[in-house]
Amino acid sequence: MVTILAVKDRFSAVCAAAARPIVVVFGPRVLIDADLESRHKIIPTGDQRGNSMLKVLASAISVATIGLASPAWAQATTRMCSSLEVPGPACLLAHQHLPELPDGPVFWHLDTFKSTTEAQQAASEHGTVVEAFGSVWLFTLQHAGWRPTGGRHVAEIGPLPIAGANTYSVEYLRSVFKPGTTAPLHVHSGPEAFYAVSGDTCLETPDGVQIGRGAGNSLLIKAGPPMLLMAIGSVPRQGFALILHDADQPPTTLTQVWQPQGLCARQLAADQSKRPIGH
């Protein structure tokens, strides 16, 4: 069992030369970080030393970008969550190393408890205790139907499409996205599962689009495909994400090898068109 209270804010990005800008910050429609260059070190490969710069894009979604000289990849941000739960970039709630997984199909279980002490007492070796959205949560990787002692069972998501590995790591993320907020294009080295405490979710990949509506909606995606996550609907989306991956591989890598077809953007537009005038 692991309880995460603080994780050092860090950013790791390794870039080959690039012909197009690379999105390097998870963020909402307007996310311009003036301290980006001072807080996030960018390391070019070879003898090239690309010049970084920030650009404000006059579009619905503005992002921080770094211009280099040819195609590039980068490890995505892993920022510690603060106590403030305000709209903005996704952040890291907890990281847990797992020497082995439970036997059989594995599910992500979400349970809430009245106190951190109760959650810690109920946690197994595959459990992680976090505090978010006004509750104490126990996240556990276990078989279908598993229940901890005490607490309130909230959700069971899976089975997770896990690839073989010697050891595993799991990342738990928290996010608050206003409708229209999106993360930059990225891929994962293991399956990712989403759970929304509130709001609506849209996930676009080369295979199409998945949509989750209302409090308690969940989505699941296997490792590999590039993806675009967007909050849709008319209220802010508060949610968690799990990334279960080979411990020897980075959990998240930014990419530009695929461009979305605007399926989530169209769904957002349809949702917005249904809102009463003045709301």
Foldseek 3Di string as FASTA:
>chain_A
DAEDDDDAWAFWWEWEFACDWFFAFFWFQDDDDPCCPVGYDYDYPDPFDFAFDFDADPDRRGGGIGHGGHRIKIFHTAGDDDPDADAIGKHFFDKDKFQDAEPDFKKKWKFWDPDPVVLVVQDDNQWYWGDDPNTIIIIGIDDPPDDTPDTGTQDIDDSFPFDDASIKMKIKIKHKYAARTKTAKKFFQFKKKKAWQAAKKWKQWPVGIDIFGGGGTMDIDGGDTIMMIGTAAHGITIIMMMFMHHPVDRGMMGDDPDDTPCPSVVRRVVRVVPDPPPD
